C-alpha atoms as a PDB file:
ATOM      1  CA  MET A   1     -13.555 -22.995   8.321  1.00  0.00           C
ATOM      2  CA  GLU A   2     -11.620 -26.254   8.553  1.00  0.00           C
ATOM      3  CA  SER A   3      -9.122 -25.309   5.819  1.00  0.00           C
ATOM      4  CA  LEU A   4      -8.202 -22.149   7.742  1.00  0.00           C
ATOM      5  CA  ASN A   5      -7.785 -23.861  11.089  1.00  0.00           C
ATOM      6  CA  GLU A   6      -5.830 -26.887   9.925  1.00  0.00           C
ATOM      7  CA  GLY A   7      -4.722 -26.132   6.372  1.00  0.00           C
ATOM      8  CA  HIS A   8      -1.665 -24.646   4.701  1.00  0.00           C
ATOM      9  CA  LEU A   9      -1.477 -20.904   4.163  1.00  0.00           C
ATOM     10  CA  LEU A  10       0.895 -19.888   1.363  1.00  0.00           C
ATOM     11  CA  VAL A  11       1.811 -16.195   1.316  1.00  0.00           C
ATOM     12  CA  ILE A  12       3.667 -14.857  -1.732  1.00  0.00           C
ATOM     13  CA  LEU A  13       4.114 -11.097  -1.412  1.00  0.00           C
ATOM     14  CA  PRO A  14       6.944  -8.632  -2.133  1.00  0.00           C
ATOM     15  CA  ILE A  15       7.274  -7.971   1.599  1.00  0.00           C
ATOM     16  CA  PRO A  16      10.214  -9.213   3.719  1.00  0.00           C
ATOM     17  CA  ASN A  17       9.126 -12.009   6.025  1.00  0.00           C
ATOM     18  CA  ASP A  18      10.395 -10.219   9.129  1.00  0.00           C
ATOM     19  CA  LEU A  19       7.865  -7.450   8.531  1.00  0.00           C
ATOM     20  CA  LEU A  20       5.079 -10.008   8.313  1.00  0.00           C
ATOM     21  CA  LYS A  21       6.244 -11.971  11.349  1.00  0.00           C
ATOM     22  CA  PRO A  22       4.017 -10.191  13.918  1.00  0.00           C
ATOM     23  CA  ALA A  23       0.936 -10.868  11.788  1.00  0.00           C
ATOM     24  CA  PHE A  24       1.918 -14.503  11.337  1.00  0.00           C
ATOM     25  CA  GLU A  25       2.466 -14.923  15.083  1.00  0.00           C
ATOM     26  CA  GLN A  26      -0.964 -13.493  15.816  1.00  0.00           C
ATOM     27  CA  LEU A  27      -2.570 -15.731  13.209  1.00  0.00           C
ATOM     28  CA  GLN A  28      -0.691 -18.780  14.503  1.00  0.00           C
ATOM     29  CA  SER A  29      -1.865 -18.105  18.065  1.00  0.00           C
ATOM     30  CA  ARG A  30      -5.465 -18.176  16.892  1.00  0.00           C
ATOM     31  CA  HIS A  31      -5.022 -21.165  14.574  1.00  0.00           C
ATOM     32  CA  PRO A  32      -2.196 -23.281  16.037  1.00  0.00           C
ATOM     33  CA  LYS A  33      -2.723 -26.135  13.573  1.00  0.00           C
ATOM     34  CA  LEU A  34      -2.382 -23.864  10.558  1.00  0.00           C
ATOM     35  CA  LYS A  35       0.836 -24.268   8.584  1.00  0.00           C
ATOM     36  CA  ILE A  36       2.192 -20.964   7.240  1.00  0.00           C
ATOM     37  CA  THR A  37       4.727 -20.641   4.424  1.00  0.00           C
ATOM     38  CA  ALA A  38       5.852 -17.169   3.320  1.00  0.00           C
ATOM     39  CA  LYS A  39       7.888 -16.270   0.258  1.00  0.00           C
ATOM     40  CA  CYS A  40       9.091 -12.759  -0.462  1.00  0.00           C
ATOM     41  CA  SER A  41       8.391 -12.418  -4.172  1.00  0.00           C
ATOM     42  CA  MET A  42       6.308 -10.310  -6.518  1.00  0.00           C
ATOM     43  CA  ASN A  43       5.368 -12.836  -9.197  1.00  0.00           C
ATOM     44  CA  GLY A  44       7.160 -16.014  -8.156  1.00  0.00           C
ATOM     45  CA  GLU A  45       9.795 -15.892 -10.885  1.00  0.00           C
ATOM     46  CA  ASP A  46      12.571 -15.914  -8.281  1.00  0.00           C
ATOM     47  CA  ILE A  47      11.185 -19.048  -6.579  1.00  0.00           C
ATOM     48  CA  PRO A  48      12.530 -22.343  -7.997  1.00  0.00           C
ATOM     49  CA  ALA A  49       9.863 -23.875 -10.203  1.00  0.00           C
ATOM     50  CA  GLN A  50       9.865 -27.247  -8.423  1.00  0.00           C
ATOM     51  CA  GLU A  51       9.544 -25.600  -5.028  1.00  0.00           C
ATOM     52  CA  LEU A  52       6.696 -23.349  -6.175  1.00  0.00           C
ATOM     53  CA  SER A  53       4.900 -26.320  -7.718  1.00  0.00           C
ATOM     54  CA  SER A  54       5.170 -28.251  -4.454  1.00  0.00           C
ATOM     55  CA  LEU A  55       3.827 -25.283  -2.466  1.00  0.00           C
ATOM     56  CA  TYR A  56       0.890 -24.916  -4.832  1.00  0.00           C
ATOM     57  CA  GLN A  57       0.080 -28.617  -4.486  1.00  0.00           C
ATOM     58  CA  SER A  58      -0.219 -28.475  -0.717  1.00  0.00           C
ATOM     59  CA  CYS A  59      -1.673 -25.026  -0.041  1.00  0.00           C
ATOM     60  CA  THR A  60      -5.308 -24.625   0.976  1.00  0.00           C
ATOM     61  CA  ILE A  61      -5.120 -20.830   1.240  1.00  0.00           C
ATOM     62  CA  LEU A  62      -3.170 -18.548  -1.083  1.00  0.00           C
ATOM     63  CA  THR A  63      -2.446 -14.887  -0.406  1.00  0.00           C
ATOM     64  CA  THR A  64      -0.731 -13.029  -3.235  1.00  0.00           C
ATOM     65  CA  LEU A  65      -0.793 -10.010  -5.516  1.00  0.00           C
ATOM     66  CA  LEU A  66       0.575 -11.416  -8.766  1.00  0.00           C
ATOM     67  CA  CYS A  67       1.686 -15.016  -8.199  1.00  0.00           C
ATOM     68  CA  TYR A  68      -1.385 -17.027  -9.154  1.00  0.00           C
ATOM     69  CA  PRO A  69      -1.249 -20.690 -10.210  1.00  0.00           C
ATOM     70  CA  PRO A  70      -1.241 -21.471 -13.959  1.00  0.00           C
ATOM     71  CA  ASN A  71      -4.206 -23.861 -13.738  1.00  0.00           C
ATOM     72  CA  LEU A  72      -6.526 -25.558 -11.267  1.00  0.00           C
ATOM     73  CA  GLU A  73      -4.673 -28.866 -11.508  1.00  0.00           C
ATOM     74  CA  SER A  74      -1.647 -27.242  -9.846  1.00  0.00           C
ATOM     75  CA  VAL A  75      -3.700 -26.303  -6.730  1.00  0.00           C
ATOM     76  CA  PRO A  76      -5.875 -29.362  -5.996  1.00  0.00           C
ATOM     77  CA  ASN A  77      -6.355 -28.424  -2.329  1.00  0.00           C
ATOM     78  CA  LEU A  78      -6.909 -24.679  -2.699  1.00  0.00           C
ATOM     79  CA  ARG A  79     -10.095 -23.429  -1.059  1.00  0.00           C
ATOM     80  CA  LEU A  80      -9.444 -19.730  -0.502  1.00  0.00           C
ATOM     81  CA  VAL A  81      -7.469 -17.130  -2.443  1.00  0.00           C
ATOM     82  CA  HIS A  82      -6.968 -13.696  -0.905  1.00  0.00           C
ATOM     83  CA  THR A  83      -5.640 -10.573  -2.594  1.00  0.00           C
ATOM     84  CA  PRO A  84      -4.351  -7.915  -0.144  1.00  0.00           C
ATOM     85  CA  GLY A  85      -5.723  -5.062  -2.202  1.00  0.00           C
ATOM     86  CA  ALA A  86      -9.056  -3.575  -3.204  1.00  0.00           C
ATOM     87  CA  GLY A  87      -9.228  -4.509  -6.889  1.00  0.00           C
ATOM     88  CA  ILE A  88      -8.532  -7.792  -8.672  1.00  0.00           C
ATOM     89  CA  ASP A  89      -9.547  -6.807 -12.199  1.00  0.00           C
ATOM     90  CA  TYR A  90      -6.025  -7.561 -13.442  1.00  0.00           C
ATOM     91  CA  ALA A  91      -6.218 -11.181 -12.246  1.00  0.00           C
ATOM     92  CA  LEU A  92      -9.807 -12.210 -12.954  1.00  0.00           C
ATOM     93  CA  ASP A  93      -8.778 -14.259 -15.997  1.00  0.00           C
ATOM     94  CA  ASN A  94      -6.989 -16.702 -13.719  1.00  0.00           C
ATOM     95  CA  PRO A  95      -9.018 -19.913 -13.303  1.00  0.00           C
ATOM     96  CA  VAL A  96      -8.978 -19.777  -9.489  1.00  0.00           C
ATOM     97  CA  PHE A  97     -11.484 -16.910  -9.624  1.00  0.00           C
ATOM     98  CA  SER A  98     -14.070 -18.913 -11.540  1.00  0.00           C
ATOM     99  CA  ALA A  99     -13.725 -22.225  -9.711  1.00  0.00           C
ATOM    100  CA  PRO A 100     -16.834 -22.832  -7.545  1.00  0.00           C
ATOM    101  CA  GLN A 101     -14.859 -24.617  -4.835  1.00  0.00           C
ATOM    102  CA  ILE A 102     -12.505 -21.679  -4.283  1.00  0.00           C
ATOM    103  CA  ARG A 103     -13.611 -18.628  -2.343  1.00  0.00           C
ATOM    104  CA  ALA A 104     -12.019 -15.309  -3.364  1.00  0.00           C
ATOM    105  CA  THR A 105     -11.591 -12.363  -0.993  1.00  0.00           C
ATOM    106  CA  THR A 106      -9.883  -8.977  -1.054  1.00  0.00           C
ATOM    107  CA  SER A 107      -8.780  -6.389   1.508  1.00  0.00           C
ATOM    108  CA  ASN A 108     -11.267  -3.824   0.272  1.00  0.00           C
ATOM    109  CA  GLY A 109     -11.399  -0.982   2.775  1.00  0.00           C
ATOM    110  CA  ILE A 110      -7.961  -1.087   4.350  1.00  0.00           C
ATOM    111  CA  ALA A 111      -6.339   1.091   1.662  1.00  0.00           C
ATOM    112  CA  ALA A 112      -8.820   3.929   2.071  1.00  0.00           C
ATOM    113  CA  PRO A 113      -6.801   6.011   4.599  1.00  0.00           C
ATOM    114  CA  PRO A 114      -3.448   6.110   2.748  1.00  0.00           C
ATOM    115  CA  ILE A 115      -5.001   6.677  -0.670  1.00  0.00           C
ATOM    116  CA  ALA A 116      -7.296   9.388   0.664  1.00  0.00           C
ATOM    117  CA  GLU A 117      -4.269  11.042   2.282  1.00  0.00           C
ATOM    118  CA  TRP A 118      -2.416  10.893  -1.033  1.00  0.00           C
ATOM    119  CA  PHE A 119      -5.337  12.534  -2.802  1.00  0.00           C
ATOM    120  CA  ILE A 120      -5.720  15.305  -0.227  1.00  0.00           C
ATOM    121  CA  GLY A 121      -1.961  15.856  -0.254  1.00  0.00           C
ATOM    122  CA  GLN A 122      -1.943  16.249  -4.023  1.00  0.00           C
ATOM    123  CA  LEU A 123      -4.938  18.584  -3.890  1.00  0.00           C
ATOM    124  CA  ILE A 124      -3.350  20.843  -1.284  1.00  0.00           C
ATOM    125  CA  ASN A 125      -0.053  20.767  -3.169  1.00  0.00           C
ATOM    126  CA  HIS A 126      -1.977  21.951  -6.229  1.00  0.00           C
ATOM    127  CA  THR A 127      -3.973  24.721  -4.562  1.00  0.00           C
ATOM    128  CA  ARG A 128      -1.068  25.973  -2.440  1.00  0.00           C
ATOM    129  CA  THR A 129       1.534  25.578  -5.224  1.00  0.00           C
ATOM    130  CA  PHE A 130       3.999  23.811  -2.921  1.00  0.00           C
ATOM    131  CA  ASP A 131       6.110  22.693  -5.885  1.00  0.00           C
ATOM    132  CA  ARG A 132       6.819  26.331  -6.735  1.00  0.00           C
ATOM    133  CA  TRP A 133       7.781  27.184  -3.167  1.00  0.00           C
ATOM    134  CA  ARG A 134      10.020  24.123  -2.938  1.00  0.00           C
ATOM    135  CA  GLN A 135      11.778  25.107  -6.156  1.00  0.00           C
ATOM    136  CA  GLN A 136      12.374  28.597  -4.788  1.00  0.00           C
ATOM    137  CA  GLN A 137      13.782  27.070  -1.615  1.00  0.00           C
ATOM    138  CA  ASP A 138      16.146  24.918  -3.674  1.00  0.00           C
ATOM    139  CA  ASP A 139      17.134  28.010  -5.694  1.00  0.00           C
ATOM    140  CA  ARG A 140      17.471  30.115  -2.526  1.00  0.00           C
ATOM    141  CA  LYS A 141      15.359  32.738  -4.198  1.00  0.00           C
ATOM    142  CA  TRP A 142      12.167  34.518  -3.138  1.00  0.00           C
ATOM    143  CA  ASP A 143      10.016  35.358  -6.120  1.00  0.00           C
ATOM    144  CA  ALA A 144       6.400  35.846  -5.150  1.00  0.00           C
ATOM    145  CA  PRO A 145       4.588  39.014  -6.226  1.00  0.00           C
ATOM    146  CA  ILE A 146       2.447  40.095  -3.310  1.00  0.00           C
ATOM    147  CA  ALA A 147      -0.684  39.989  -5.479  1.00  0.00           C
ATOM    148  CA  THR A 148      -0.343  36.253  -6.058  1.00  0.00           C
ATOM    149  CA  LEU A 149      -0.439  35.593  -2.335  1.00  0.00           C
ATOM    150  CA  PHE A 150      -4.061  36.720  -2.276  1.00  0.00           C
ATOM    151  CA  GLN A 151      -5.065  34.723  -5.365  1.00  0.00           C
ATOM    152  CA  THR A 152      -4.694  31.273  -3.839  1.00  0.00           C
ATOM    153  CA  PRO A 153      -8.195  29.877  -3.244  1.00  0.00           C
ATOM    154  CA  ASP A 154      -9.129  28.056  -0.069  1.00  0.00           C
ATOM    155  CA  LEU A 155     -10.700  24.630  -0.348  1.00  0.00           C
ATOM    156  CA  VAL A 156     -13.564  25.848   1.822  1.00  0.00           C
ATOM    157  CA  GLY A 157     -16.725  25.826  -0.251  1.00  0.00           C
ATOM    158  CA  GLN A 158     -15.163  24.138  -3.267  1.00  0.00           C
ATOM    159  CA  ARG A 159     -17.168  21.362  -4.911  1.00  0.00           C
ATOM    160  CA  LEU A 160     -15.670  17.865  -4.895  1.00  0.00           C
ATOM    161  CA  GLY A 161     -17.236  15.279  -7.172  1.00  0.00           C
ATOM    162  CA  VAL A 162     -16.454  11.701  -6.152  1.00  0.00           C
ATOM    163  CA  LEU A 163     -16.915   9.316  -9.065  1.00  0.00           C
ATOM    164  CA  GLY A 164     -17.251   5.963  -7.315  1.00  0.00           C
ATOM    165  CA  TYR A 165     -18.344   6.265  -3.691  1.00  0.00           C
ATOM    166  CA  GLY A 166     -16.694   3.178  -2.205  1.00  0.00           C
ATOM    167  CA  SER A 167     -14.286   2.899   0.722  1.00  0.00           C
ATOM    168  CA  ILE A 168     -11.669   5.203  -0.794  1.00  0.00           C
ATOM    169  CA  GLY A 169     -14.181   7.739  -2.052  1.00  0.00           C
ATOM    170  CA  ARG A 170     -15.900   7.854   1.334  1.00  0.00           C
ATOM    171  CA  GLN A 171     -12.678   8.424   3.278  1.00  0.00           C
ATOM    172  CA  ALA A 172     -11.600  11.123   0.825  1.00  0.00           C
ATOM    173  CA  ALA A 173     -15.018  12.728   1.241  1.00  0.00           C
ATOM    174  CA  ARG A 174     -14.657  12.652   5.025  1.00  0.00           C
ATOM    175  CA  VAL A 175     -11.328  14.486   4.964  1.00  0.00           C
ATOM    176  CA  ALA A 176     -12.463  16.910   2.261  1.00  0.00           C
ATOM    177  CA  SER A 177     -15.605  17.697   4.222  1.00  0.00           C
ATOM    178  CA  ALA A 178     -13.481  18.458   7.286  1.00  0.00           C
ATOM    179  CA  LEU A 179     -11.655  21.007   5.128  1.00  0.00           C
ATOM    180  CA  GLY A 180     -14.961  22.659   4.294  1.00  0.00           C
ATOM    181  CA  MET A 181     -15.520  21.208   0.836  1.00  0.00           C
ATOM    182  CA  LYS A 182     -18.951  20.324  -0.522  1.00  0.00           C
ATOM    183  CA  VAL A 183     -19.117  16.674  -1.613  1.00  0.00           C
ATOM    184  CA  LEU A 184     -21.178  15.279  -4.490  1.00  0.00           C
ATOM    185  CA  ALA A 185     -21.248  11.494  -4.948  1.00  0.00           C
ATOM    186  CA  TYR A 186     -21.780   9.392  -8.071  1.00  0.00           C
ATOM    187  CA  THR A 187     -22.610   5.693  -7.981  1.00  0.00           C
ATOM    188  CA  ALA A 188     -23.757   3.142 -10.537  1.00  0.00           C
ATOM    189  CA  LYS A 189     -26.972   2.356  -8.655  1.00  0.00           C
ATOM    190  CA  PRO A 190     -29.324   4.954  -7.126  1.00  0.00           C
ATOM    191  CA  LYS A 191     -28.913   5.677  -3.410  1.00  0.00           C
ATOM    192  CA  ALA A 192     -32.309   7.130  -2.630  1.00  0.00           C
ATOM    193  CA  THR A 193     -32.778   5.753   0.897  1.00  0.00           C
ATOM    194  CA  PRO A 194     -30.670   5.933   4.076  1.00  0.00           C
ATOM    195  CA  GLU A 195     -30.294   2.156   3.955  1.00  0.00           C
ATOM    196  CA  SER A 196     -28.938   2.205   0.389  1.00  0.00           C
ATOM    197  CA  LYS A 197     -26.396   4.902   1.265  1.00  0.00           C
ATOM    198  CA  ARG A 198     -24.720   2.832   3.974  1.00  0.00           C
ATOM    199  CA  ASP A 199     -21.268   1.372   3.399  1.00  0.00           C
ATOM    200  CA  ARG A 200     -21.399  -2.431   3.248  1.00  0.00           C
ATOM    201  CA  ASN A 201     -17.632  -2.870   3.067  1.00  0.00           C
ATOM    202  CA  PHE A 202     -15.078  -3.133   5.857  1.00  0.00           C
ATOM    203  CA  VAL A 203     -14.714   0.248   7.554  1.00  0.00           C
ATOM    204  CA  VAL A 204     -11.952   1.236   9.960  1.00  0.00           C
ATOM    205  CA  GLU A 205     -13.669   2.588  13.059  1.00  0.00           C
ATOM    206  CA  GLY A 206     -13.976   6.369  13.007  1.00  0.00           C
ATOM    207  CA  LEU A 207     -13.155   6.645   9.302  1.00  0.00           C
ATOM    208  CA  GLY A 208     -15.028   6.845   6.035  1.00  0.00           C
ATOM    209  CA  ASP A 209     -18.718   7.613   5.688  1.00  0.00           C
ATOM    210  CA  PRO A 210     -20.490   4.527   7.096  1.00  0.00           C
ATOM    211  CA  GLU A 211     -23.990   6.014   6.887  1.00  0.00           C
ATOM    212  CA  GLY A 212     -23.518   7.930   3.646  1.00  0.00           C
ATOM    213  CA  THR A 213     -24.392  11.270   5.192  1.00  0.00           C
ATOM    214  CA  ILE A 214     -21.509  13.395   3.900  1.00  0.00           C
ATOM    215  CA  PRO A 215     -22.571  14.068   0.276  1.00  0.00           C
ATOM    216  CA  SER A 216     -24.947  16.969  -0.121  1.00  0.00           C
ATOM    217  CA  GLU A 217     -26.048  15.543  -3.466  1.00  0.00           C
ATOM    218  CA  TRP A 218     -26.138  12.042  -4.973  1.00  0.00           C
ATOM    219  CA  PHE A 219     -26.059  11.118  -8.650  1.00  0.00           C
ATOM    220  CA  SER A 220     -26.171   7.705 -10.284  1.00  0.00           C
ATOM    221  CA  GLY A 221     -26.304   5.820 -13.562  1.00  0.00           C
ATOM    222  CA  THR A 222     -24.320   3.728 -16.012  1.00  0.00           C
ATOM    223  CA  ASP A 223     -25.075   5.814 -19.109  1.00  0.00           C
ATOM    224  CA  LYS A 224     -23.229   8.818 -20.484  1.00  0.00           C
ATOM    225  CA  GLU A 225     -26.163  11.159 -20.013  1.00  0.00           C
ATOM    226  CA  SER A 226     -26.229  10.511 -16.254  1.00  0.00           C
ATOM    227  CA  LEU A 227     -22.454  10.860 -16.022  1.00  0.00           C
ATOM    228  CA  HIS A 228     -22.481  14.156 -17.902  1.00  0.00           C
ATOM    229  CA  LYS A 229     -25.205  15.505 -15.631  1.00  0.00           C
ATOM    230  CA  PHE A 230     -22.905  14.797 -12.681  1.00  0.00           C
ATOM    231  CA  LEU A 231     -19.873  16.354 -14.365  1.00  0.00           C
ATOM    232  CA  ALA A 232     -21.918  19.472 -15.142  1.00  0.00           C
ATOM    233  CA  GLN A 233     -22.336  20.337 -11.454  1.00  0.00           C
ATOM    234  CA  LYS A 234     -19.680  23.102 -11.471  1.00  0.00           C
ATOM    235  CA  LEU A 235     -17.066  20.800  -9.981  1.00  0.00           C
ATOM    236  CA  ASP A 236     -13.812  22.284  -8.737  1.00  0.00           C
ATOM    237  CA  VAL A 237     -12.310  18.845  -8.100  1.00  0.00           C
ATOM    238  CA  LEU A 238     -13.088  15.437  -9.585  1.00  0.00           C
ATOM    239  CA  LEU A 239     -11.856  12.306  -7.800  1.00  0.00           C
ATOM    240  CA  ILE A 240     -12.091   9.073  -9.787  1.00  0.00           C
ATOM    241  CA  SER A 241     -12.242   6.145  -7.377  1.00  0.00           C
ATOM    242  CA  LEU A 242     -14.409   3.523  -9.045  1.00  0.00           C
ATOM    243  CA  PRO A 243     -13.491  -0.082  -9.864  1.00  0.00           C
ATOM    244  CA  LEU A 244     -12.392  -0.995 -13.377  1.00  0.00           C
ATOM    245  CA  THR A 245     -15.113  -2.976 -15.138  1.00  0.00           C
ATOM    246  CA  SER A 246     -16.275  -3.329 -18.717  1.00  0.00           C
ATOM    247  CA  SER A 247     -18.679  -0.422 -18.180  1.00  0.00           C
ATOM    248  CA  SER A 248     -16.137   1.873 -16.482  1.00  0.00           C
ATOM    249  CA  ARG A 249     -13.258   1.313 -18.919  1.00  0.00           C
ATOM    250  CA  HIS A 250     -12.509   4.612 -20.705  1.00  0.00           C
ATOM    251  CA  ILE A 251     -15.455   6.231 -18.949  1.00  0.00           C
ATOM    252  CA  ILE A 252     -13.658   9.593 -18.952  1.00  0.00           C
ATOM    253  CA  GLY A 253     -12.388  11.036 -22.254  1.00  0.00           C
ATOM    254  CA  LYS A 254     -12.529  14.149 -24.392  1.00  0.00           C
ATOM    255  CA  LYS A 255     -16.338  14.435 -24.259  1.00  0.00           C
ATOM    256  CA  GLU A 256     -16.239  14.381 -20.474  1.00  0.00           C
ATOM    257  CA  PHE A 257     -13.389  16.908 -20.395  1.00  0.00           C
ATOM    258  CA  ARG A 258     -15.544  19.141 -22.575  1.00  0.00           C
ATOM    259  CA  VAL A 259     -18.430  18.908 -20.092  1.00  0.00           C
ATOM    260  CA  LEU A 260     -16.091  19.890 -17.257  1.00  0.00           C
ATOM    261  CA  LYS A 261     -14.729  22.789 -19.301  1.00  0.00           C
ATOM    262  CA  GLU A 262     -18.204  24.126 -20.073  1.00  0.00           C
ATOM    263  CA  ASN A 263     -19.470  23.864 -16.498  1.00  0.00           C
ATOM    264  CA  SER A 264     -16.512  24.431 -14.157  1.00  0.00           C
ATOM    265  CA  PRO A 265     -15.945  28.190 -14.261  1.00  0.00           C
ATOM    266  CA  HIS A 266     -12.572  28.072 -12.487  1.00  0.00           C
ATOM    267  CA  GLY A 267     -11.346  24.874 -14.118  1.00  0.00           C
ATOM    268  CA  CYS A 268     -11.295  21.426 -12.550  1.00  0.00           C
ATOM    269  CA  PHE A 269      -8.537  19.507 -10.761  1.00  0.00           C
ATOM    270  CA  LEU A 270      -8.723  15.795 -11.640  1.00  0.00           C
ATOM    271  CA  ALA A 271      -7.300  12.960  -9.522  1.00  0.00           C
ATOM    272  CA  ASN A 272      -7.379   9.302 -10.540  1.00  0.00           C
ATOM    273  CA  VAL A 273      -6.845   6.660  -7.844  1.00  0.00           C
ATOM    274  CA  ALA A 274      -8.840   3.952  -9.647  1.00  0.00           C
ATOM    275  CA  ARG A 275      -7.155   2.301 -12.647  1.00  0.00           C
ATOM    276  CA  GLY A 276      -5.391   3.882 -15.589  1.00  0.00           C
ATOM    277  CA  ASP A 277      -7.895   2.489 -18.076  1.00  0.00           C
ATOM    278  CA  VAL A 278     -10.857   4.376 -16.637  1.00  0.00           C
ATOM    279  CA  LEU A 279      -9.383   7.329 -18.543  1.00  0.00           C
ATOM    280  CA  VAL A 280      -8.731   7.603 -22.252  1.00  0.00           C
ATOM    281  CA  GLN A 281      -5.094   8.440 -21.662  1.00  0.00           C
ATOM    282  CA  ASP A 282      -4.432   9.990 -25.078  1.00  0.00           C
ATOM    283  CA  ASP A 283      -7.360  12.343 -24.476  1.00  0.00           C
ATOM    284  CA  LEU A 284      -5.936  13.223 -21.070  1.00  0.00           C
ATOM    285  CA  VAL A 285      -2.543  14.010 -22.557  1.00  0.00           C
ATOM    286  CA  GLN A 286      -4.176  16.243 -25.144  1.00  0.00           C
ATOM    287  CA  ALA A 287      -6.233  17.974 -22.458  1.00  0.00           C
ATOM    288  CA  LEU A 288      -3.057  18.748 -20.540  1.00  0.00           C
ATOM    289  CA  ILE A 289      -1.496  20.221 -23.691  1.00  0.00           C
ATOM    290  CA  ASP A 290      -4.586  22.311 -24.452  1.00  0.00           C
ATOM    291  CA  GLU A 291      -4.422  25.402 -22.252  1.00  0.00           C
ATOM    292  CA  ASP A 292      -8.192  25.904 -22.285  1.00  0.00           C
ATOM    293  CA  SER A 293      -9.201  22.272 -21.795  1.00  0.00           C
ATOM    294  CA  GLY A 294     -10.861  22.988 -18.465  1.00  0.00           C
ATOM    295  CA  LEU A 295      -8.356  20.945 -16.464  1.00  0.00           C
ATOM    296  CA  ASN A 296      -6.189  23.130 -14.249  1.00  0.00           C
ATOM    297  CA  GLY A 297      -4.289  20.218 -12.756  1.00  0.00           C
ATOM    298  CA  VAL A 298      -4.081  16.416 -12.644  1.00  0.00           C
ATOM    299  CA  ALA A 299      -2.845  13.923 -10.044  1.00  0.00           C
ATOM    300  CA  LEU A 300      -2.386  10.325 -11.173  1.00  0.00           C
ATOM    301  CA  ASP A 301      -1.849   7.396  -8.842  1.00  0.00           C
ATOM    302  CA  VAL A 302      -2.331   5.078 -11.826  1.00  0.00           C
ATOM    303  CA  ALA A 303      -1.667   5.080 -15.564  1.00  0.00           C
ATOM    304  CA  THR A 304      -1.587   2.852 -18.634  1.00  0.00           C
ATOM    305  CA  PRO A 305       0.738   1.060 -18.827  1.00  0.00           C
ATOM    306  CA  GLU A 306       2.487   0.759 -15.472  1.00  0.00           C
ATOM    307  CA  PRO A 307       5.264   1.573 -15.036  1.00  0.00           C
ATOM    308  CA  LEU A 308       4.775   4.571 -17.298  1.00  0.00           C
ATOM    309  CA  PRO A 309       7.284   4.699 -20.210  1.00  0.00           C
ATOM    310  CA  SER A 310       9.988   7.316 -19.785  1.00  0.00           C
ATOM    311  CA  ASP A 311       8.938   9.101 -22.992  1.00  0.00           C
ATOM    312  CA  SER A 312       5.352   9.666 -21.831  1.00  0.00           C
ATOM    313  CA  PRO A 313       4.417  13.377 -21.805  1.00  0.00           C
ATOM    314  CA  LEU A 314       2.710  12.795 -18.453  1.00  0.00           C
ATOM    315  CA  TRP A 315       6.130  12.879 -16.795  1.00  0.00           C
ATOM    316  CA  THR A 316       6.834  16.432 -17.891  1.00  0.00           C
ATOM    317  CA  SER A 317       3.446  18.145 -18.002  1.00  0.00           C
ATOM    318  CA  PRO A 318       3.504  21.086 -15.568  1.00  0.00           C
ATOM    319  CA  ARG A 319      -0.171  20.478 -14.849  1.00  0.00           C
ATOM    320  CA  CYS A 320       0.458  16.885 -13.789  1.00  0.00           C
ATOM    321  CA  PRO A 321       2.635  17.178 -10.664  1.00  0.00           C
ATOM    322  CA  GLY A 322       1.149  14.125  -8.953  1.00  0.00           C
ATOM    323  CA  ARG A 323       2.686  10.983 -10.483  1.00  0.00           C
ATOM    324  CA  GLU A 324       3.478   9.017  -7.345  1.00  0.00           C
ATOM    325  CA  SER A 325       3.001   5.451  -8.545  1.00  0.00           C
ATOM    326  CA  LEU A 326       3.626   5.693 -12.268  1.00  0.00           C
END
């Protein structure tokens, strides 16, 4: 692509330039005529307006999370916009994503390992009650009736439902399967053939589920009936890892919690690594208050809004220990 080889790459990310230097040097060695300008900023508000306007005017490639141009006139030479994340639902209203002359790309696939590790970490913390042991360590007090030591369930044989079997869901399934869990996958479109089950996204070698062979059962659909059939599969753990779209917004609420309650005999641990709006958050809060809601624990990597207000009950719920990014 001519614009990549000889154009102007503008990088606006909240990452110090010295950390990005090795990547820039590698890119420059491959494309010596490419001009690279990097600004350490989240949304561009700390960049002088005149300077930012001048950078927009000349750039042919833009890499950013939140600093998108206000209109197409401000980026007359832009041909490629790249978001270093998996989802861009929050930015799709920007005109650069609807302009036919501008290609849009994401880094879908690269976040699968760390997010899958976060999920597995939260799950093990929940099943092994690490928070309780840490508190006892801080208190310098041993308080564990011997009977409780034999009541902690192993993950072996537990049923993990993955709602949204993309890069993150596949890597989480790989690690969970290694721990002996049974994986059930849910996708919008049916995956009835080996070809349809393959991962078409970028996959780090040796990771994920490239051929789609890990799930023992596949479910699919975009209607509530299909979703409820999936949630009724006696799930011990539900991982939400689907993209936020008009059809997935508020896809999980009180009706879905009721299905889990009625069909998960030991309760269900829910983890959301998608977007906050895939859940009806008020219903989630109520489910955490209700002792017999069917949820025995929740881990949230996302919420609505972000950052989460300090008065949100999600901060203090004992069944919501995982609030890493709120």
